[in-house]
C-alpha atoms as a PDB file:
ATOM      1  CA  MET A   1      66.273  64.857 125.999  1.00  0.00           C
ATOM      2  CA  PRO A   2      63.077  66.056 125.767  1.00  0.00           C
ATOM      3  CA  ARG A   3      61.015  67.206 128.553  1.00  0.00           C
ATOM      4  CA  LEU A   4      56.925  67.511 128.468  1.00  0.00           C
ATOM      5  CA  PRO A   5      56.300  69.418 128.856  1.00  0.00           C
ATOM      6  CA  GLY A   6      58.283  71.342 130.749  1.00  0.00           C
ATOM      7  CA  VAL A   7      61.663  72.732 133.032  1.00  0.00           C
ATOM      8  CA  ASP A   8      61.683  74.897 136.163  1.00  0.00           C
ATOM      9  CA  TYR A   9      63.160  78.334 135.388  1.00  0.00           C
ATOM     10  CA  ILE A  10      64.710  80.426 132.853  1.00  0.00           C
ATOM     11  CA  GLU A  11      66.109  83.808 133.849  1.00  0.00           C
ATOM     12  CA  ALA A  12      64.728  86.874 132.085  1.00  0.00           C
ATOM     13  CA  GLU A  13      67.919  88.535 130.937  1.00  0.00           C
ATOM     14  CA  GLU A  14      69.398  84.920 129.442  1.00  0.00           C
ATOM     15  CA  VAL A  15      66.246  85.175 127.288  1.00  0.00           C
ATOM     16  CA  ARG A  16      66.790  88.927 125.916  1.00  0.00           C
ATOM     17  CA  ARG A  17      70.068  88.403 125.213  1.00  0.00           C
ATOM     18  CA  ARG A  18      69.908  84.814 123.270  1.00  0.00           C
ATOM     19  CA  PRO A  19      67.964  85.448 119.490  1.00  0.00           C
ATOM     20  CA  PHE A  20      64.532  82.893 118.915  1.00  0.00           C
ATOM     21  CA  ARG A  21      65.254  80.507 115.974  1.00  0.00           C
ATOM     22  CA  VAL A  22      62.043  78.687 114.204  1.00  0.00           C
ATOM     23  CA  ALA A  23      61.837  75.098 113.057  1.00  0.00           C
ATOM     24  CA  VAL A  24      58.497  73.880 111.299  1.00  0.00           C
ATOM     25  CA  THR A  25      58.093  70.803 110.682  1.00  0.00           C
ATOM     26  CA  PRO A  26      55.272  67.930 110.527  1.00  0.00           C
ATOM     27  CA  LEU A  27      56.651  64.966 112.054  1.00  0.00           C
ATOM     28  CA  PRO A  28      56.635  66.229 116.348  1.00  0.00           C
ATOM     29  CA  SER A  29      53.184  67.299 115.273  1.00  0.00           C
ATOM     30  CA  LEU A  30      51.999  63.894 113.677  1.00  0.00           C
ATOM     31  CA  GLN A  31      53.981  62.316 116.449  1.00  0.00           C
ATOM     32  CA  GLY A  32      51.774  64.278 119.026  1.00  0.00           C
ATOM     33  CA  ALA A  33      48.565  64.196 117.229  1.00  0.00           C
ATOM     34  CA  LEU A  34      48.981  60.291 117.311  1.00  0.00           C
ATOM     35  CA  VAL A  35      49.680  59.446 120.528  1.00  0.00           C
ATOM     36  CA  GLU A  36      46.959  61.518 121.692  1.00  0.00           C
ATOM     37  CA  ALA A  37      44.516  59.588 119.048  1.00  0.00           C
ATOM     38  CA  VAL A  38      45.896  56.368 120.802  1.00  0.00           C
ATOM     39  CA  GLY A  39      45.548  57.484 123.871  1.00  0.00           C
ATOM     40  CA  THR A  40      42.855  59.831 126.177  1.00  0.00           C
ATOM     41  CA  GLY A  41      43.330  62.778 123.720  1.00  0.00           C
ATOM     42  CA  ARG A  42      44.228  64.394 127.259  1.00  0.00           C
ATOM     43  CA  LYS A  43      46.153  67.365 125.914  1.00  0.00           C
ATOM     44  CA  GLY A  44      42.877  69.020 123.932  1.00  0.00           C
ATOM     45  CA  THR A  45      43.506  67.384 120.257  1.00  0.00           C
ATOM     46  CA  PRO A  46      40.608  68.179 118.536  1.00  0.00           C
ATOM     47  CA  ALA A  47      38.186  65.027 118.300  1.00  0.00           C
ATOM     48  CA  ALA A  48      37.720  65.221 114.683  1.00  0.00           C
ATOM     49  CA  TRP A  49      41.685  65.132 114.225  1.00  0.00           C
ATOM     50  CA  ARG A  50      41.795  62.055 116.727  1.00  0.00           C
ATOM     51  CA  ARG A  51      39.162  60.228 114.477  1.00  0.00           C
ATOM     52  CA  ALA A  52      40.763  61.093 111.322  1.00  0.00           C
ATOM     53  CA  ILE A  53      43.819  59.554 112.066  1.00  0.00           C
ATOM     54  CA  GLY A  54      42.487  56.542 113.917  1.00  0.00           C
ATOM     55  CA  ALA A  55      41.090  55.382 110.916  1.00  0.00           C
ATOM     56  CA  GLN A  56      43.694  54.774 109.200  1.00  0.00           C
ATOM     57  CA  LEU A  57      45.640  52.761 112.520  1.00  0.00           C
ATOM     58  CA  ARG A  58      45.821  48.953 112.744  1.00  0.00           C
ATOM     59  CA  GLU A  59      45.415  46.852 116.061  1.00  0.00           C
ATOM     60  CA  ARG A  60      49.616  46.829 115.750  1.00  0.00           C
ATOM     61  CA  ASP A  61      49.683  50.492 116.043  1.00  0.00           C
ATOM     62  CA  TYR A  62      48.655  50.846 119.159  1.00  0.00           C
ATOM     63  CA  GLU A  63      51.170  47.643 121.002  1.00  0.00           C
ATOM     64  CA  THR A  64      53.842  49.512 119.007  1.00  0.00           C
ATOM     65  CA  LEU A  65      52.950  53.374 120.646  1.00  0.00           C
ATOM     66  CA  ALA A  66      52.187  51.836 123.999  1.00  0.00           C
ATOM     67  CA  PRO A  67      55.520  53.396 125.270  1.00  0.00           C
ATOM     68  CA  PHE A  68      53.989  57.120 124.229  1.00  0.00           C
ATOM     69  CA  VAL A  69      50.506  56.843 126.330  1.00  0.00           C
ATOM     70  CA  THR A  70      50.797  57.326 129.893  1.00  0.00           C
ATOM     71  CA  GLY A  71      48.888  59.370 132.609  1.00  0.00           C
ATOM     72  CA  GLY A  72      51.396  62.203 132.997  1.00  0.00           C
ATOM     73  CA  GLU A  73      54.045  63.422 131.769  1.00  0.00           C
ATOM     74  CA  THR A  74      56.287  61.540 129.433  1.00  0.00           C
ATOM     75  CA  LEU A  75      59.608  61.716 128.447  1.00  0.00           C
ATOM     76  CA  VAL A  76      60.793  60.664 124.686  1.00  0.00           C
ATOM     77  CA  PRO A  77      64.122  59.694 123.082  1.00  0.00           C
ATOM     78  CA  ASP A  78      64.556  63.194 120.836  1.00  0.00           C
ATOM     79  CA  PRO A  79      65.046  61.049 117.442  1.00  0.00           C
ATOM     80  CA  LEU A  80      61.750  59.647 117.546  1.00  0.00           C
ATOM     81  CA  LEU A  81      60.223  62.856 117.756  1.00  0.00           C
ATOM     82  CA  GLY A  82      61.721  65.142 114.294  1.00  0.00           C
ATOM     83  CA  LEU A  83      63.266  67.714 116.603  1.00  0.00           C
ATOM     84  CA  ALA A  84      65.061  69.280 113.024  1.00  0.00           C
ATOM     85  CA  GLU A  85      67.029  72.520 112.697  1.00  0.00           C
ATOM     86  CA  PRO A  86      65.927  75.360 111.424  1.00  0.00           C
ATOM     87  CA  PRO A  87      64.234  76.410 109.562  1.00  0.00           C
ATOM     88  CA  GLY A  88      62.787  72.746 109.357  1.00  0.00           C
ATOM     89  CA  GLU A  89      62.662  69.912 107.486  1.00  0.00           C
ATOM     90  CA  THR A  90      59.742  67.799 105.432  1.00  0.00           C
ATOM     91  CA  LEU A  91      58.456  65.466 106.554  1.00  0.00           C
ATOM     92  CA  LYS A  92      60.159  62.669 104.381  1.00  0.00           C
ATOM     93  CA  ASP A  93      63.563  64.363 105.557  1.00  0.00           C
ATOM     94  CA  GLY A  94      62.515  63.533 109.108  1.00  0.00           C
ATOM     95  CA  ILE A  95      61.439  60.309 108.877  1.00  0.00           C
ATOM     96  CA  GLU A  96      65.020  59.063 106.809  1.00  0.00           C
ATOM     97  CA  ARG A  97      67.305  60.679 109.627  1.00  0.00           C
ATOM     98  CA  MET A  98      65.189  59.045 112.404  1.00  0.00           C
ATOM     99  CA  VAL A  99      66.054  55.919 110.404  1.00  0.00           C
ATOM    100  CA  ALA A 100      69.386  56.251 110.441  1.00  0.00           C
ATOM    101  CA  THR A 101      70.014  56.880 113.961  1.00  0.00           C
ATOM    102  CA  PRO A 102      72.202  54.716 115.359  1.00  0.00           C
ATOM    103  CA  HIS A 103      70.961  51.621 117.636  1.00  0.00           C
ATOM    104  CA  ASP A 104      73.808  53.136 120.402  1.00  0.00           C
ATOM    105  CA  GLU A 105      72.220  56.547 120.931  1.00  0.00           C
ATOM    106  CA  LEU A 106      68.689  55.128 120.847  1.00  0.00           C
ATOM    107  CA  LEU A 107      69.335  52.664 122.860  1.00  0.00           C
ATOM    108  CA  ALA A 108      71.041  54.855 125.235  1.00  0.00           C
ATOM    109  CA  GLU A 109      68.030  57.720 125.084  1.00  0.00           C
ATOM    110  CA  THR A 110      66.087  54.718 125.844  1.00  0.00           C
ATOM    111  CA  GLU A 111      67.267  53.776 128.948  1.00  0.00           C
ATOM    112  CA  VAL A 112      67.277  56.757 130.536  1.00  0.00           C
ATOM    113  CA  CYS A 113      63.487  57.427 129.302  1.00  0.00           C
ATOM    114  CA  ARG A 114      62.608  53.832 131.127  1.00  0.00           C
ATOM    115  CA  VAL A 115      64.916  54.962 134.728  1.00  0.00           C
ATOM    116  CA  ALA A 116      63.273  58.061 134.332  1.00  0.00           C
ATOM    117  CA  THR A 117      59.763  57.068 134.200  1.00  0.00           C
ATOM    118  CA  GLY A 118      60.009  53.997 135.325  1.00  0.00           C
ATOM    119  CA  SER A 119      57.585  52.451 132.206  1.00  0.00           C
ATOM    120  CA  THR A 120      58.415  48.893 130.876  1.00  0.00           C
ATOM    121  CA  ALA A 121      56.294  49.523 127.741  1.00  0.00           C
ATOM    122  CA  TRP A 122      60.206  50.538 125.974  1.00  0.00           C
ATOM    123  CA  SER A 123      60.868  46.821 126.662  1.00  0.00           C
ATOM    124  CA  GLU A 124      60.308  45.652 122.820  1.00  0.00           C
ATOM    125  CA  LEU A 125      62.596  48.298 121.356  1.00  0.00           C
ATOM    126  CA  GLU A 126      65.480  47.762 123.705  1.00  0.00           C
ATOM    127  CA  ARG A 127      64.799  43.988 122.184  1.00  0.00           C
ATOM    128  CA  ASP A 128      64.783  44.880 118.879  1.00  0.00           C
ATOM    129  CA  PRO A 129      65.444  48.144 117.756  1.00  0.00           C
ATOM    130  CA  ASP A 130      65.243  47.315 114.198  1.00  0.00           C
ATOM    131  CA  ARG A 131      62.057  45.727 114.694  1.00  0.00           C
ATOM    132  CA  TRP A 132      60.527  48.398 116.387  1.00  0.00           C
ATOM    133  CA  LEU A 133      60.905  51.412 114.290  1.00  0.00           C
ATOM    134  CA  ARG A 134      60.012  49.973 111.357  1.00  0.00           C
ATOM    135  CA  ARG A 135      57.331  49.259 112.687  1.00  0.00           C
ATOM    136  CA  TYR A 136      56.863  52.964 114.664  1.00  0.00           C
ATOM    137  CA  VAL A 137      57.642  54.846 110.517  1.00  0.00           C
ATOM    138  CA  ALA A 138      54.048  52.403 109.687  1.00  0.00           C
ATOM    139  CA  SER A 139      52.420  53.936 112.535  1.00  0.00           C
ATOM    140  CA  LEU A 140      53.282  57.298 111.319  1.00  0.00           C
ATOM    141  CA  LEU A 141      52.629  57.189 108.016  1.00  0.00           C
ATOM    142  CA  ARG A 142      49.717  55.242 108.411  1.00  0.00           C
ATOM    143  CA  ALA A 143      48.680  58.777 110.564  1.00  0.00           C
ATOM    144  CA  TRP A 144      49.563  60.964 108.192  1.00  0.00           C
ATOM    145  CA  LYS A 145      47.315  59.548 105.828  1.00  0.00           C
ATOM    146  CA  GLY A 146      44.713  61.575 108.270  1.00  0.00           C
ATOM    147  CA  PHE A 147      46.713  63.739 109.519  1.00  0.00           C
ATOM    148  CA  GLY A 148      48.391  65.454 106.049  1.00  0.00           C
ATOM    149  CA  PRO A 149      45.607  67.433 105.294  1.00  0.00           C
ATOM    150  CA  ILE A 150      45.386  68.926 108.625  1.00  0.00           C
ATOM    151  CA  TRP A 151      48.987  69.866 108.256  1.00  0.00           C
ATOM    152  CA  ARG A 152      48.364  71.511 105.143  1.00  0.00           C
ATOM    153  CA  GLN A 153      45.324  74.033 106.471  1.00  0.00           C
ATOM    154  CA  ALA A 154      46.920  74.981 109.222  1.00  0.00           C
ATOM    155  CA  GLN A 155      49.898  76.913 107.017  1.00  0.00           C
ATOM    156  CA  THR A 156      48.463  80.216 106.812  1.00  0.00           C
ATOM    157  CA  ALA A 157      48.358  80.467 111.199  1.00  0.00           C
ATOM    158  CA  LEU A 158      51.941  78.594 111.507  1.00  0.00           C
ATOM    159  CA  ASP A 159      53.180  81.353 108.157  1.00  0.00           C
ATOM    160  CA  ARG A 160      52.097  84.042 110.872  1.00  0.00           C
ATOM    161  CA  GLU A 161      53.170  82.341 113.560  1.00  0.00           C
ATOM    162  CA  VAL A 162      56.461  83.001 111.929  1.00  0.00           C
ATOM    163  CA  GLU A 163      55.705  86.291 111.225  1.00  0.00           C
ATOM    164  CA  ARG A 164      54.900  87.102 114.907  1.00  0.00           C
ATOM    165  CA  ILE A 165      58.716  85.067 116.186  1.00  0.00           C
ATOM    166  CA  GLY A 166      60.492  87.559 114.170  1.00  0.00           C
ATOM    167  CA  VAL A 167      58.319  91.117 115.260  1.00  0.00           C
ATOM    168  CA  ALA A 168      59.454  89.938 118.324  1.00  0.00           C
ATOM    169  CA  THR A 169      62.782  89.296 118.166  1.00  0.00           C
ATOM    170  CA  ALA A 170      63.343  92.247 115.696  1.00  0.00           C
ATOM    171  CA  VAL A 171      61.777  94.320 118.863  1.00  0.00           C
ATOM    172  CA  ASP A 172      63.341  92.493 122.218  1.00  0.00           C
ATOM    173  CA  ALA A 173      60.018  91.053 123.004  1.00  0.00           C
ATOM    174  CA  GLN A 174      61.645  87.146 123.625  1.00  0.00           C
ATOM    175  CA  LEU A 175      59.975  87.100 127.211  1.00  0.00           C
ATOM    176  CA  GLU A 176      56.443  88.654 126.352  1.00  0.00           C
ATOM    177  CA  LEU A 177      56.342  86.102 123.928  1.00  0.00           C
ATOM    178  CA  LEU A 178      56.932  83.580 126.018  1.00  0.00           C
ATOM    179  CA  ASP A 179      54.390  84.882 128.209  1.00  0.00           C
ATOM    180  CA  GLY A 180      51.269  81.855 128.192  1.00  0.00           C
ATOM    181  CA  LEU A 181      53.282  79.728 125.676  1.00  0.00           C
ATOM    182  CA  LEU A 182      52.736  77.307 126.916  1.00  0.00           C
ATOM    183  CA  ALA A 183      49.805  75.517 129.343  1.00  0.00           C
ATOM    184  CA  ARG A 184      51.893  75.323 132.157  1.00  0.00           C
ATOM    185  CA  GLY A 185      54.332  78.001 131.638  1.00  0.00           C
ATOM    186  CA  SER A 186      54.251  81.796 132.579  1.00  0.00           C
ATOM    187  CA  VAL A 187      56.339  84.838 133.185  1.00  0.00           C
ATOM    188  CA  ASP A 188      56.567  84.991 136.535  1.00  0.00           C
ATOM    189  CA  ASP A 189      58.677  87.984 139.118  1.00  0.00           C
ATOM    190  CA  GLY A 190      61.192  87.862 135.710  1.00  0.00           C
ATOM    191  CA  ARG A 191      62.022  84.808 135.306  1.00  0.00           C
ATOM    192  CA  TRP A 192      59.991  82.137 132.144  1.00  0.00           C
ATOM    193  CA  CYS A 193      58.901  79.660 134.992  1.00  0.00           C
ATOM    194  CA  LEU A 194      57.581  75.723 134.063  1.00  0.00           C
ATOM    195  CA  SER A 195      56.427  72.999 136.330  1.00  0.00           C
ATOM    196  CA  CYS A 196      58.382  69.270 135.299  1.00  0.00           C
ATOM    197  CA  ARG A 197      58.902  66.287 137.429  1.00  0.00           C
ATOM    198  CA  PHE A 198      62.141  65.416 135.821  1.00  0.00           C
ATOM    199  CA  ALA A 199      64.069  68.940 135.878  1.00  0.00           C
ATOM    200  CA  VAL A 200      64.256  71.285 138.351  1.00  0.00           C
ATOM    201  CA  GLY A 201      66.124  74.738 138.813  1.00  0.00           C
ATOM    202  CA  ARG A 202      68.005  77.146 136.510  1.00  0.00           C
ATOM    203  CA  ARG A 203      68.081  76.632 132.803  1.00  0.00           C
ATOM    204  CA  GLU A 204      70.300  78.390 130.493  1.00  0.00           C
ATOM    205  CA  LEU A 205      70.150  78.419 126.889  1.00  0.00           C
ATOM    206  CA  PRO A 206      72.297  77.994 123.170  1.00  0.00           C
ATOM    207  CA  ASP A 207      74.521  81.155 122.277  1.00  0.00           C
ATOM    208  CA  THR A 208      72.841  80.383 118.754  1.00  0.00           C
ATOM    209  CA  GLY A 209      69.710  80.821 120.287  1.00  0.00           C
ATOM    210  CA  LEU A 210      66.563  78.810 121.624  1.00  0.00           C
ATOM    211  CA  VAL A 211      64.479  77.041 118.546  1.00  0.00           C
ATOM    212  CA  LEU A 212      60.613  76.916 118.398  1.00  0.00           C
ATOM    213  CA  MET A 213      58.788  74.609 116.827  1.00  0.00           C
ATOM    214  CA  PRO A 214      55.115  75.414 116.117  1.00  0.00           C
ATOM    215  CA  LEU A 215      52.841  73.001 116.841  1.00  0.00           C
ATOM    216  CA  VAL A 216      49.392  71.550 114.753  1.00  0.00           C
ATOM    217  CA  ALA A 217      48.531  70.334 118.540  1.00  0.00           C
ATOM    218  CA  GLY A 218      46.149  70.604 121.140  1.00  0.00           C
ATOM    219  CA  ALA A 219      46.289  73.210 123.736  1.00  0.00           C
ATOM    220  CA  GLY A 220      48.423  71.401 126.237  1.00  0.00           C
ATOM    221  CA  GLY A 221      50.937  69.684 123.590  1.00  0.00           C
ATOM    222  CA  SER A 222      54.300  70.417 123.973  1.00  0.00           C
ATOM    223  CA  ILE A 223      57.544  69.900 123.882  1.00  0.00           C
ATOM    224  CA  ILE A 224      60.852  70.903 125.631  1.00  0.00           C
ATOM    225  CA  ASP A 225      64.500  69.651 124.780  1.00  0.00           C
ATOM    226  CA  VAL A 226      66.560  70.131 127.542  1.00  0.00           C
ATOM    227  CA  ALA A 227      70.271  68.497 127.049  1.00  0.00           C
ATOM    228  CA  GLY A 228      72.305  69.027 130.403  1.00  0.00           C
ATOM    229  CA  SER A 229      71.279  72.319 131.718  1.00  0.00           C
ATOM    230  CA  THR A 230      70.868  73.609 128.404  1.00  0.00           C
ATOM    231  CA  MET A 231      67.237  73.701 127.081  1.00  0.00           C
ATOM    232  CA  ARG A 232      67.706  73.761 123.283  1.00  0.00           C
ATOM    233  CA  ARG A 233      64.143  73.603 121.989  1.00  0.00           C
ATOM    234  CA  VAL A 234      60.664  74.255 122.586  1.00  0.00           C
ATOM    235  CA  GLY A 235      57.605  72.952 120.614  1.00  0.00           C
ATOM    236  CA  TYR A 236      54.246  74.714 121.434  1.00  0.00           C
ATOM    237  CA  PRO A 237      50.747  74.725 119.816  1.00  0.00           C
ATOM    238  CA  VAL A 238      49.988  77.999 117.230  1.00  0.00           C
ATOM    239  CA  PRO A 239      48.304  79.812 118.863  1.00  0.00           C
ATOM    240  CA  ALA A 240      45.034  80.937 116.248  1.00  0.00           C
ATOM    241  CA  LEU A 241      44.908  76.454 116.574  1.00  0.00           C
ATOM    242  CA  ARG A 242      44.436  76.463 120.120  1.00  0.00           C
ATOM    243  CA  GLN A 243      40.453  77.453 119.505  1.00  0.00           C
ATOM    244  CA  PRO A 244      39.446  77.288 115.845  1.00  0.00           C
ATOM    245  CA  MET A 245      35.855  78.081 116.495  1.00  0.00           C
ATOM    246  CA  ALA A 246      36.763  81.372 118.072  1.00  0.00           C
ATOM    247  CA  GLU A 247      38.197  84.715 116.021  1.00  0.00           C
ATOM    248  CA  PRO A 248      42.085  84.745 115.801  1.00  0.00           C
ATOM    249  CA  ALA A 249      43.096  87.716 117.862  1.00  0.00           C
ATOM    250  CA  ALA A 250      44.790  90.572 116.247  1.00  0.00           C
ATOM    251  CA  ALA A 251      48.318  90.580 116.183  1.00  0.00           C
ATOM    252  CA  LEU A 252      49.243  93.427 118.213  1.00  0.00           C
ATOM    253  CA  GLU A 253      47.284  91.961 120.895  1.00  0.00           C
ATOM    254  CA  ALA A 254      49.053  88.464 120.370  1.00  0.00           C
ATOM    255  CA  LEU A 255      52.242  89.748 121.337  1.00  0.00           C
ATOM    256  CA  VAL A 256      51.261  92.178 124.532  1.00  0.00           C
ATOM    257  CA  GLY A 257      47.820  90.862 125.386  1.00  0.00           C
ATOM    258  CA  ILE A 258      44.359  92.634 125.359  1.00  0.00           C
ATOM    259  CA  PRO A 259      44.596  95.819 127.964  1.00  0.00           C
ATOM    260  CA  ARG A 260      48.167  96.787 126.617  1.00  0.00           C
ATOM    261  CA  ALA A 261      47.748  96.683 123.172  1.00  0.00           C
ATOM    262  CA  GLN A 262      44.940  98.794 124.548  1.00  0.00           C
ATOM    263  CA  ILE A 263      46.743 101.504 126.212  1.00  0.00           C
ATOM    264  CA  LEU A 264      48.850 101.924 123.202  1.00  0.00           C
ATOM    265  CA  ARG A 265      46.254 102.425 120.660  1.00  0.00           C
ATOM    266  CA  ALA A 266      45.165 105.455 122.960  1.00  0.00           C
ATOM    267  CA  LEU A 267      48.036 106.664 123.243  1.00  0.00           C
ATOM    268  CA  ASP A 268      47.366 109.631 119.932  1.00  0.00           C
ATOM    269  CA  ARG A 269      48.628 111.666 122.482  1.00  0.00           C
ATOM    270  CA  ALA A 270      49.598 111.959 126.303  1.00  0.00           C
ATOM    271  CA  THR A 271      46.729 110.899 129.084  1.00  0.00           C
ATOM    272  CA  SER A 272      46.864 110.184 132.409  1.00  0.00           C
ATOM    273  CA  ILE A 273      46.705 106.907 134.317  1.00  0.00           C
ATOM    274  CA  GLY A 274      43.230 107.407 135.640  1.00  0.00           C
ATOM    275  CA  ARG A 275      41.747 108.055 132.248  1.00  0.00           C
ATOM    276  CA  LEU A 276      43.798 104.865 130.423  1.00  0.00           C
ATOM    277  CA  ALA A 277      41.770 102.881 133.693  1.00  0.00           C
ATOM    278  CA  GLU A 278      38.426 104.387 132.801  1.00  0.00           C
ATOM    279  CA  ALA A 279      39.275 103.166 129.060  1.00  0.00           C
ATOM    280  CA  LEU A 280      39.705  99.344 129.941  1.00  0.00           C
ATOM    281  CA  ARG A 281      37.149  98.985 133.227  1.00  0.00           C
ATOM    282  CA  VAL A 282      39.992  98.485 135.472  1.00  0.00           C
ATOM    283  CA  VAL A 283      41.473  99.838 139.008  1.00  0.00           C
ATOM    284  CA  PRO A 284      43.902 102.583 138.062  1.00  0.00           C
ATOM    285  CA  SER A 285      46.729 100.116 140.070  1.00  0.00           C
ATOM    286  CA  ALA A 286      45.732  97.595 137.732  1.00  0.00           C
ATOM    287  CA  ALA A 287      46.252  99.802 135.008  1.00  0.00           C
ATOM    288  CA  THR A 288      49.371 100.962 136.633  1.00  0.00           C
ATOM    289  CA  HIS A 289      50.884  97.555 136.594  1.00  0.00           C
ATOM    290  CA  HIS A 290      49.972  97.189 132.507  1.00  0.00           C
ATOM    291  CA  VAL A 291      52.190 100.767 132.215  1.00  0.00           C
ATOM    292  CA  SER A 292      54.752  99.467 134.189  1.00  0.00           C
ATOM    293  CA  ALA A 293      54.883  96.816 131.974  1.00  0.00           C
ATOM    294  CA  LEU A 294      54.923  98.864 128.640  1.00  0.00           C
ATOM    295  CA  GLU A 295      57.684 101.184 130.094  1.00  0.00           C
ATOM    296  CA  ALA A 296      60.124  98.350 130.841  1.00  0.00           C
ATOM    297  CA  ALA A 297      59.663  97.405 127.574  1.00  0.00           C
ATOM    298  CA  GLY A 298      60.574 101.300 126.130  1.00  0.00           C
ATOM    299  CA  LEU A 299      56.868 101.146 124.372  1.00  0.00           C
ATOM    300  CA  VAL A 300      55.526 104.384 126.849  1.00  0.00           C
ATOM    301  CA  THR A 301      56.961 106.408 128.621  1.00  0.00           C
ATOM    302  CA  ARG A 302      55.971 108.980 131.437  1.00  0.00           C
ATOM    303  CA  SER A 303      56.242 112.309 132.465  1.00  0.00           C
ATOM    304  CA  ARG A 304      55.032 114.444 135.826  1.00  0.00           C
ATOM    305  CA  CYS A 305      52.731 117.382 134.136  1.00  0.00           C
ATOM    306  CA  GLY A 306      51.625 119.170 137.509  1.00  0.00           C
ATOM    307  CA  ARG A 307      50.203 116.881 140.009  1.00  0.00           C
ATOM    308  CA  GLN A 308      49.107 114.446 136.859  1.00  0.00           C
ATOM    309  CA  VAL A 309      51.247 111.895 135.703  1.00  0.00           C
ATOM    310  CA  LEU A 310      50.723 111.304 131.431  1.00  0.00           C
ATOM    311  CA  VAL A 311      51.788 107.989 129.458  1.00  0.00           C
ATOM    312  CA  GLY A 312      52.786 108.432 125.579  1.00  0.00           C
ATOM    313  CA  ARG A 313      54.039 106.329 123.026  1.00  0.00           C
ATOM    314  CA  THR A 314      57.968 106.632 122.578  1.00  0.00           C
ATOM    315  CA  PRO A 315      59.614 105.835 119.117  1.00  0.00           C
ATOM    316  CA  ARG A 316      59.397 102.649 119.720  1.00  0.00           C
ATOM    317  CA  GLY A 317      55.691 101.827 120.976  1.00  0.00           C
ATOM    318  CA  GLU A 318      55.040 104.229 117.739  1.00  0.00           C
ATOM    319  CA  ALA A 319      57.309 101.345 115.812  1.00  0.00           C
ATOM    320  CA  LEU A 320      55.138  99.152 117.159  1.00  0.00           C
ATOM    321  CA  LEU A 321      52.185 100.127 116.914  1.00  0.00           C
ATOM    322  CA  ALA A 322      52.449 100.840 113.055  1.00  0.00           C
ATOM    323  CA  LEU A 323      54.336  97.664 112.288  1.00  0.00           C
ATOM    324  CA  TYR A 324      50.910  96.005 113.285  1.00  0.00           C
ATOM    325  CA  GLU A 325      48.921  98.533 111.939  1.00  0.00           C
ATOM    326  CA  PRO A 326      49.875 100.418 108.928  1.00  0.00           C
ATOM    327  CA  ALA A 327      46.303 101.186 108.016  1.00  0.00           C
ATOM    328  CA  SER A 328      46.482 103.717 110.808  1.00  0.00           C
ATOM    329  CA  SER A 329      50.113 104.660 111.442  1.00  0.00           C
ATOM    330  CA  GLY A 330      51.186 104.559 108.367  1.00  0.00           C
ATOM    331  CA  ALA A 331      53.830 102.848 106.470  1.00  0.00           C
ATOM    332  CA  PRO A 332      55.336  99.888 108.107  1.00  0.00           C
ATOM    333  CA  PRO A 333      58.354 100.928 109.316  1.00  0.00           C
ATOM    334  CA  ASN A 334      61.945  98.530 108.977  1.00  0.00           C
ATOM    335  CA  PRO A 335      62.841  96.129 111.575  1.00  0.00           C
ATOM    336  CA  SER A 336      65.881  97.535 111.583  1.00  0.00           C
ATOM    337  CA  SER A 337      64.645 101.269 112.636  1.00  0.00           C
ATOM    338  CA  PHE A 338      63.689  99.910 115.580  1.00  0.00           C
ATOM    339  CA  PRO A 339      65.039 101.183 118.985  1.00  0.00           C
ATOM    340  CA  SER A 340      67.362  99.019 120.536  1.00  0.00           C
ATOM    341  CA  GLY A 341      66.576  98.138 124.040  1.00  0.00           C
ATOM    342  CA  SER A 342      64.737  95.464 125.747  1.00  0.00           C
ATOM    343  CA  TRP A 343      61.106  93.669 126.347  1.00  0.00           C
END
C-alpha cells in the first residue's frame, strides 16, 4: 500500500546491499499533478502546470477526485497510481492495467485506505467500482491533454536522472543518493529516515532491490509503496525539475553534495584539513565531517605527514571524478572497474 510521504527508517546496511532499479512511467506523475490541480497545490506543483490541467477538467472530475484531496498525508490504493515494474510503461499500458484490476483487490485496498484515514470520500468507489473507475480514467485522460506536453519536455531531465541512479548504484552510493531525495526524508545516524503517521519502525528492501520512480512533480511530491515490512518503491520529484528557473546542479554535486564535490576536486595532491577548510570557508570541524563521509565511501584517504594529516583521493575517488568530469580527468572509466566498497 503506498504511504505518502514515507515510512520510519531503513538501516544503512540494508540500503547498501540492495541494488536500485528504475521505473520511468507517466501515470504516477499525471495522477499527482491532477490531484494538485483540483486541490490546494500544497506539494509545490507549479501553478502553470495546474492551470494547464485545470483548463481540461469538468465539474464532475472534482467530485471523482475528492478521495485524493486531503489536508494531510494520503493513502491511495496501489492500482490507482500506476506503480509499474522497471523499466516502466506507457500511459496507455498503465491505464489498461489499472482498469483490469479485479474488483475484490481494488475494494480491499480501498477499505484499508478508508479505515486508516477515516475518510468517507471513498464511498462512491465502494458502491460502484466500475462506474467510479470509468470516471477516474476519463479525468486522467482529460488531464493528460494539459500535462502531456509537460511530461514530454521533462524527458531530458528524466534521462539524466536515470543515468545518475545508475552511477550511484555502480559506485555503491545508494545511501548518499537517498539523502534529501524526499522532502520528509534524510540520512541520520546511519539510517534513511522518513516521517509518516501511517507506519513506524524499521523497514526492509526486497531482494530484487528498491524501485525508484522519478516523478515530474513539485518539490513535495512523493510516493512510498510498502507491503508489510518491505518498502518496494519510492517515487520522488526529479531534482532538476524542483527549481526550473535555477541553473541545474552539476552531476557530481547532485550525487555527493557541494562541499564534498569541492573537496574531491581540490585533491589533485594531498592537502591538509586546514587548507580544505580555508577553501570551503568553513571551520575545520566541518571540513573534517565531510572528509570523514568521503573516507567512509572509499573516495579519499587520510595519512600522517609529520604533525599534519593529509587528505588525498583514492583510486575510487579518481574514478568517480573521471566519470563525472571526463574533460578534466581523461576518458570516463568503465563502471565495472570501480574498486569494491560501500558508501
